[in-house]
Every structure is written in structure tokens, then in C-alpha cells.
Amino acid sequence: MIEVIKYLAKMENASLDEVISIAANSKSEKRGSFDKKTFLEKVIENDNQ
């Protein structure tokens, strides 16, 4: 998985360290992380927006 993430970072002209930093600082604050072993099972989209 690391090799895939490194390649995707390269495609976005970013380093692996930048990707890790962004993930650590923004995503987990907004949406949570796997620290509590909680995961998303389903997404229901509302078409009435």
C-alpha cells in the first residue's frame, strides 16, 4: 500500500511526507481516524440538495 500511496503522491507533485502531514493534520480532525477502530459502513446521499 505504501508504494501505491508514494506513486499517487508523485502524480500530484507531492512527497510522501506531505501526504502524511495532510492526513495527520486535517482528515483525522474532521472525519476521525482508526484509533478507536471506528469505520464508515455506508454513505447515503441526499438528492434533495
PDB file of N, CA and C in Angstrom:
ATOM      1  N   MET A   1       0.823  -1.184   0.000  1.00  0.00           N
ATOM      2  CA  MET A   1       0.000   0.000   0.000  1.00  0.00           C
ATOM      3  C   MET A   1       0.871   1.253   0.000  1.00  0.00           C
ATOM      4  N   ILE A   2       1.993   1.183   0.682  1.00  0.00           N
ATOM      5  CA  ILE A   2       2.877   2.351   0.732  1.00  0.00           C
ATOM      6  C   ILE A   2       3.343   2.735  -0.660  1.00  0.00           C
ATOM      7  N   GLU A   3       3.691   1.749  -1.484  1.00  0.00           N
ATOM      8  CA  GLU A   3       4.157   2.043  -2.838  1.00  0.00           C
ATOM      9  C   GLU A   3       3.071   2.730  -3.663  1.00  0.00           C
ATOM     10  N   VAL A   4       1.839   2.322  -3.488  1.00  0.00           N
ATOM     11  CA  VAL A   4       0.723   2.964  -4.192  1.00  0.00           C
ATOM     12  C   VAL A   4       0.567   4.406  -3.717  1.00  0.00           C
ATOM     13  N   ILE A   5       0.622   4.622  -2.426  1.00  0.00           N
ATOM     14  CA  ILE A   5       0.494   5.977  -1.874  1.00  0.00           C
ATOM     15  C   ILE A   5       1.646   6.856  -2.347  1.00  0.00           C
ATOM     16  N   LYS A   6       2.856   6.311  -2.369  1.00  0.00           N
ATOM     17  CA  LYS A   6       4.011   7.070  -2.858  1.00  0.00           C
ATOM     18  C   LYS A   6       3.822   7.458  -4.320  1.00  0.00           C
ATOM     19  N   TYR A   7       3.324   6.528  -5.120  1.00  0.00           N
ATOM     20  CA  TYR A   7       3.097   6.817  -6.532  1.00  0.00           C
ATOM     21  C   TYR A   7       2.019   7.890  -6.705  1.00  0.00           C
ATOM     22  N   LEU A   8       0.922   7.776  -5.960  1.00  0.00           N
ATOM     23  CA  LEU A   8      -0.144   8.778  -6.055  1.00  0.00           C
ATOM     24  C   LEU A   8       0.352  10.154  -5.623  1.00  0.00           C
ATOM     25  N   ALA A   9       1.184  10.197  -4.599  1.00  0.00           N
ATOM     26  CA  ALA A   9       1.766  11.467  -4.163  1.00  0.00           C
ATOM     27  C   ALA A   9       2.622  12.049  -5.279  1.00  0.00           C
ATOM     28  N   LYS A  10       3.416  11.211  -5.911  1.00  0.00           N
ATOM     29  CA  LYS A  10       4.271  11.663  -7.012  1.00  0.00           C
ATOM     30  C   LYS A  10       3.432  12.224  -8.154  1.00  0.00           C
ATOM     31  N   MET A  11       2.318  11.582  -8.456  1.00  0.00           N
ATOM     32  CA  MET A  11       1.433  12.053  -9.528  1.00  0.00           C
ATOM     33  C   MET A  11       0.848  13.427  -9.213  1.00  0.00           C
ATOM     34  N   GLU A  12       0.745  13.762  -7.931  1.00  0.00           N
ATOM     35  CA  GLU A  12       0.226  15.066  -7.502  1.00  0.00           C
ATOM     36  C   GLU A  12       1.344  16.048  -7.173  1.00  0.00           C
ATOM     37  N   ASN A  13       2.574  15.690  -7.561  1.00  0.00           N
ATOM     38  CA  ASN A  13       3.752  16.521  -7.274  1.00  0.00           C
ATOM     39  C   ASN A  13       3.897  16.803  -5.787  1.00  0.00           C
ATOM     40  N   ALA A  14       3.663  15.807  -4.979  1.00  0.00           N
ATOM     41  CA  ALA A  14       3.786  15.914  -3.527  1.00  0.00           C
ATOM     42  C   ALA A  14       4.713  14.806  -3.042  1.00  0.00           C
ATOM     43  N   SER A  15       5.233  14.994  -1.848  1.00  0.00           N
ATOM     44  CA  SER A  15       6.062  13.951  -1.250  1.00  0.00           C
ATOM     45  C   SER A  15       5.207  13.093  -0.321  1.00  0.00           C
ATOM     46  N   LEU A  16       5.718  11.939   0.007  1.00  0.00           N
ATOM     47  CA  LEU A  16       5.026  11.076   0.955  1.00  0.00           C
ATOM     48  C   LEU A  16       4.878  11.791   2.292  1.00  0.00           C
ATOM     49  N   ASP A  17       5.902  12.537   2.700  1.00  0.00           N
ATOM     50  CA  ASP A  17       5.822  13.295   3.957  1.00  0.00           C
ATOM     51  C   ASP A  17       4.696  14.319   3.929  1.00  0.00           C
ATOM     52  N   GLU A  18       4.491  14.976   2.780  1.00  0.00           N
ATOM     53  CA  GLU A  18       3.396  15.946   2.667  1.00  0.00           C
ATOM     54  C   GLU A  18       2.038  15.258   2.811  1.00  0.00           C
ATOM     55  N   VAL A  19       1.891  14.109   2.180  1.00  0.00           N
ATOM     56  CA  VAL A  19       0.634  13.363   2.255  1.00  0.00           C
ATOM     57  C   VAL A  19       0.359  12.944   3.692  1.00  0.00           C
ATOM     58  N   ILE A  20       1.373  12.440   4.356  1.00  0.00           N
ATOM     59  CA  ILE A  20       1.216  12.010   5.750  1.00  0.00           C
ATOM     60  C   ILE A  20       0.858  13.195   6.635  1.00  0.00           C
ATOM     61  N   SER A  21       1.508  14.329   6.412  1.00  0.00           N
ATOM     62  CA  SER A  21       1.227  15.527   7.206  1.00  0.00           C
ATOM     63  C   SER A  21      -0.212  16.000   7.016  1.00  0.00           C
ATOM     64  N   ILE A  22      -0.666  16.032   5.778  1.00  0.00           N
ATOM     65  CA  ILE A  22      -2.045  16.451   5.496  1.00  0.00           C
ATOM     66  C   ILE A  22      -3.030  15.495   6.155  1.00  0.00           C
ATOM     67  N   ALA A  23      -2.774  14.213   6.030  1.00  0.00           N
ATOM     68  CA  ALA A  23      -3.665  13.209   6.623  1.00  0.00           C
ATOM     69  C   ALA A  23      -3.701  13.344   8.140  1.00  0.00           C
ATOM     70  N   ALA A  24      -2.563  13.582   8.741  1.00  0.00           N
ATOM     71  CA  ALA A  24      -2.488  13.672  10.201  1.00  0.00           C
ATOM     72  C   ALA A  24      -3.136  14.942  10.726  1.00  0.00           C
ATOM     73  N   ASN A  25      -3.028  16.031   9.981  1.00  0.00           N
ATOM     74  CA  ASN A  25      -3.482  17.321  10.495  1.00  0.00           C
ATOM     75  C   ASN A  25      -4.907  17.695  10.136  1.00  0.00           C
ATOM     76  N   SER A  26      -5.409  17.235   9.035  1.00  0.00           N
ATOM     77  CA  SER A  26      -6.734  17.701   8.645  1.00  0.00           C
ATOM     78  C   SER A  26      -7.788  16.601   8.591  1.00  0.00           C
ATOM     79  N   LYS A  27      -7.491  15.534   7.938  1.00  0.00           N
ATOM     80  CA  LYS A  27      -8.500  14.492   7.755  1.00  0.00           C
ATOM     81  C   LYS A  27      -8.957  13.904   9.069  1.00  0.00           C
ATOM     82  N   SER A  28      -8.031  13.526   9.916  1.00  0.00           N
ATOM     83  CA  SER A  28      -8.426  12.864  11.156  1.00  0.00           C
ATOM     84  C   SER A  28      -9.159  13.815  12.105  1.00  0.00           C
ATOM     85  N   GLU A  29      -8.854  15.110  12.025  1.00  0.00           N
ATOM     86  CA  GLU A  29      -9.584  16.078  12.861  1.00  0.00           C
ATOM     87  C   GLU A  29     -11.020  16.242  12.389  1.00  0.00           C
ATOM     88  N   LYS A  30     -11.222  16.261  11.075  1.00  0.00           N
ATOM     89  CA  LYS A  30     -12.554  16.476  10.512  1.00  0.00           C
ATOM     90  C   LYS A  30     -13.411  15.219  10.520  1.00  0.00           C
ATOM     91  N   ARG A  31     -12.804  14.072  10.183  1.00  0.00           N
ATOM     92  CA  ARG A  31     -13.598  12.871   9.962  1.00  0.00           C
ATOM     93  C   ARG A  31     -13.254  11.718  10.887  1.00  0.00           C
ATOM     94  N   GLY A  32     -12.279  11.912  11.734  1.00  0.00           N
ATOM     95  CA  GLY A  32     -11.894  10.842  12.637  1.00  0.00           C
ATOM     96  C   GLY A  32     -10.811   9.960  12.037  1.00  0.00           C
ATOM     97  N   SER A  33     -10.371   9.013  12.814  1.00  0.00           N
ATOM     98  CA  SER A  33      -9.331   8.105  12.353  1.00  0.00           C
ATOM     99  C   SER A  33      -9.655   6.698  12.841  1.00  0.00           C
ATOM    100  N   PHE A  34      -8.746   5.786  12.640  1.00  0.00           N
ATOM    101  CA  PHE A  34      -8.965   4.405  13.044  1.00  0.00           C
ATOM    102  C   PHE A  34      -8.462   4.134  14.458  1.00  0.00           C
ATOM    103  N   ASP A  35      -8.069   5.165  15.184  1.00  0.00           N
ATOM    104  CA  ASP A  35      -7.566   4.978  16.544  1.00  0.00           C
ATOM    105  C   ASP A  35      -8.569   4.263  17.444  1.00  0.00           C
ATOM    106  N   LYS A  36      -9.835   4.565  17.253  1.00  0.00           N
ATOM    107  CA  LYS A  36     -10.877   3.955  18.084  1.00  0.00           C
ATOM    108  C   LYS A  36     -11.527   2.769  17.375  1.00  0.00           C
ATOM    109  N   LYS A  37     -10.912   2.335  16.274  1.00  0.00           N
ATOM    110  CA  LYS A  37     -11.404   1.211  15.478  1.00  0.00           C
ATOM    111  C   LYS A  37     -12.835   1.429  14.992  1.00  0.00           C
ATOM    112  N   THR A  38     -13.141   2.673  14.642  1.00  0.00           N
ATOM    113  CA  THR A  38     -14.437   3.039  14.097  1.00  0.00           C
ATOM    114  C   THR A  38     -14.276   3.235  12.597  1.00  0.00           C
ATOM    115  N   PHE A  39     -15.205   2.708  11.814  1.00  0.00           N
ATOM    116  CA  PHE A  39     -15.102   2.877  10.381  1.00  0.00           C
ATOM    117  C   PHE A  39     -16.479   3.126   9.783  1.00  0.00           C
ATOM    118  N   LEU A  40     -16.475   3.734   8.608  1.00  0.00           N
ATOM    119  CA  LEU A  40     -17.694   4.078   7.903  1.00  0.00           C
ATOM    120  C   LEU A  40     -18.218   2.844   7.178  1.00  0.00           C
ATOM    121  N   GLU A  41     -19.469   2.520   7.386  1.00  0.00           N
ATOM    122  CA  GLU A  41     -20.069   1.367   6.725  1.00  0.00           C
ATOM    123  C   GLU A  41     -20.869   1.761   5.493  1.00  0.00           C
ATOM    124  N   LYS A  42     -21.531   2.901   5.534  1.00  0.00           N
ATOM    125  CA  LYS A  42     -22.431   3.261   4.450  1.00  0.00           C
ATOM    126  C   LYS A  42     -22.537   4.781   4.333  1.00  0.00           C
ATOM    127  N   VAL A  43     -22.680   5.252   3.109  1.00  0.00           N
ATOM    128  CA  VAL A  43     -22.929   6.652   2.835  1.00  0.00           C
ATOM    129  C   VAL A  43     -24.261   6.754   2.121  1.00  0.00           C
ATOM    130  N   ILE A  44     -25.132   7.589   2.630  1.00  0.00           N
ATOM    131  CA  ILE A  44     -26.430   7.810   1.998  1.00  0.00           C
ATOM    132  C   ILE A  44     -26.440   9.245   1.494  1.00  0.00           C
ATOM    133  N   GLU A  45     -26.586   9.393   0.176  1.00  0.00           N
ATOM    134  CA  GLU A  45     -26.595  10.725  -0.418  1.00  0.00           C
ATOM    135  C   GLU A  45     -28.027  11.222  -0.528  1.00  0.00           C
ATOM    136  N   ASN A  46     -28.193  12.505  -0.235  1.00  0.00           N
ATOM    137  CA  ASN A  46     -29.486  13.148  -0.331  1.00  0.00           C
ATOM    138  C   ASN A  46     -29.552  13.893  -1.653  1.00  0.00           C
ATOM    139  N   ASP A  47     -30.438  13.500  -2.548  1.00  0.00           N
ATOM    140  CA  ASP A  47     -30.560  14.141  -3.859  1.00  0.00           C
ATOM    141  C   ASP A  47     -31.351  15.438  -3.799  1.00  0.00           C
ATOM    142  N   ASN A  48     -31.896  15.789  -2.644  1.00  0.00           N
ATOM    143  CA  ASN A  48     -32.730  16.987  -2.498  1.00  0.00           C
ATOM    144  C   ASN A  48     -31.950  18.215  -2.090  1.00  0.00           C
ATOM    145  N   GLN A  49     -30.731  18.352  -2.539  1.00  0.00           N
ATOM    146  CA  GLN A  49     -29.904  19.495  -2.121  1.00  0.00           C
ATOM    147  C   GLN A  49     -30.112  20.682  -2.991  1.00  0.00           C
TER     148      GLN A  49
END
